[in-house]
Protein backbone atom coordinates (compact mmCIF):
# COMPACT_ATOMS: atom_id res chain seq x y z
CA MET A 1 11.96 -3.31 -10.51
CA ASP A 2 11.24 -1.94 -7.11
CA ALA A 3 12.44 -4.19 -4.06
CA ASN A 4 8.97 -3.83 -2.82
CA HIS A 5 6.89 -5.26 -5.72
CA HIS A 6 6.96 -8.42 -3.99
CA ILE A 7 5.12 -7.17 -0.97
CA TRP A 8 2.96 -5.53 -3.49
CA ARG A 9 1.92 -8.69 -4.55
CA ILE A 10 1.29 -10.12 -1.21
CA TRP A 11 -0.99 -6.78 -0.31
CA ALA A 12 -3.01 -7.08 -3.81
CA ASP A 13 -3.62 -10.71 -3.18
CA ARG A 14 -4.90 -10.30 0.30
CA LEU A 15 -7.07 -7.12 -1.09
CA HIS A 16 -8.51 -9.38 -3.61
CA MET A 17 -9.48 -11.97 -1.39
CA TRP A 18 -11.13 -9.76 0.96
CA GLY A 19 -12.89 -7.81 -1.75
CA VAL A 20 -11.65 -4.51 -1.04
CA ASP A 21 -8.59 -4.28 -3.67
CA ASP A 22 -10.89 -1.56 -5.82
CA LEU A 23 -12.14 0.45 -2.69
CA THR A 24 -8.44 0.71 -1.82
CA ALA A 25 -7.54 1.79 -5.09
CA THR A 26 -10.18 4.52 -5.04
CA LEU A 27 -9.22 5.68 -1.63
CA LEU A 28 -5.53 6.02 -2.41
CA GLU A 29 -6.48 8.12 -5.29
CA ALA A 30 -8.90 10.32 -3.31
CA LEU A 31 -6.75 10.79 -0.92
CA GLY A 32 -3.88 12.15 -3.03
CA PRO A 33 -1.46 14.32 -0.95
CA LEU A 34 -2.90 13.14 2.28
CA THR A 35 -0.93 10.04 1.89
CA THR A 36 1.87 11.24 2.99
CA LEU A 37 0.29 12.22 6.05
CA GLY A 38 -0.65 8.51 5.96
CA ALA A 39 2.78 7.34 5.91
CA GLN A 40 3.71 9.32 8.91
CA PHE A 41 1.12 7.60 10.87
CA VAL A 42 2.60 4.36 9.68
CA TYR A 43 6.35 5.38 10.82
CA LEU A 44 5.02 6.56 14.35
CA GLY A 45 2.81 3.39 14.78
CA GLN A 46 5.39 1.00 13.92
CA PRO A 47 6.34 0.05 17.38
CA LEU A 48 2.55 -0.92 17.87
CA LEU A 49 1.90 -2.00 14.37
CA SER A 50 5.02 -4.36 14.10
CA TRP A 51 4.23 -7.13 15.99
CA GLY A 52 1.39 -8.48 13.54
CA THR A 53 3.32 -7.75 10.51
CA PRO A 54 5.89 -9.34 8.47
CA ASP A 55 9.10 -7.69 8.33
CA GLY A 56 9.56 -4.96 5.76
CA HIS A 57 5.98 -4.75 5.12
CA LEU A 58 5.53 -1.56 7.19
CA ASP A 59 8.39 0.23 5.95
CA ALA A 60 7.29 -0.52 2.17
CA LEU A 61 3.67 0.92 3.14
CA ALA A 62 5.00 3.93 4.30
CA HIS A 63 7.62 4.43 1.31
CA MET A 64 4.76 3.64 -1.17
CA LEU A 65 2.48 6.30 0.79
CA GLU A 66 5.16 9.04 1.01
CA ASN A 67 6.04 8.85 -2.80
CA SER A 68 3.24 9.63 -5.27
CA ALA A 69 4.60 8.29 -7.92
CA GLU A 70 4.87 4.95 -6.08
CA THR A 71 1.42 5.12 -4.76
CA ARG A 72 -0.06 5.68 -8.48
CA GLU A 73 2.17 2.74 -9.36
CA PHE A 74 0.39 0.92 -6.82
CA VAL A 75 -3.07 1.80 -7.76
CA ASP A 76 -2.68 0.95 -11.35
CA TYR A 77 -1.23 -2.46 -10.17
CA LEU A 78 -4.03 -3.15 -8.09
CA ARG A 79 -6.54 -1.96 -11.08
CA GLU A 80 -4.55 -4.19 -13.47
CA LYS A 81 -4.73 -7.21 -10.91
CA ASN A 82 -8.55 -6.70 -10.52
CA LYS A 83 -9.03 -6.94 -14.35
CA LEU A 84 -7.41 -10.66 -14.35
């Protein structure tokens, strides 16, 4: 299991709580290769975003966005969690 999967569970729980888990999965699928660009924005924005984000979450997000296989895996995780 990937080291960031425990962070994915936290994200999935929060997205589900806010009612945007399915929307997030759909957006990640629709963006396709543009998620790599999103990863670069996360890397560049870390100094501003890190004050309100738990340690490791921004790195995990950027890593997931720049790796298409991990993005697909996270989308599948969201979809599966949404079925429960």
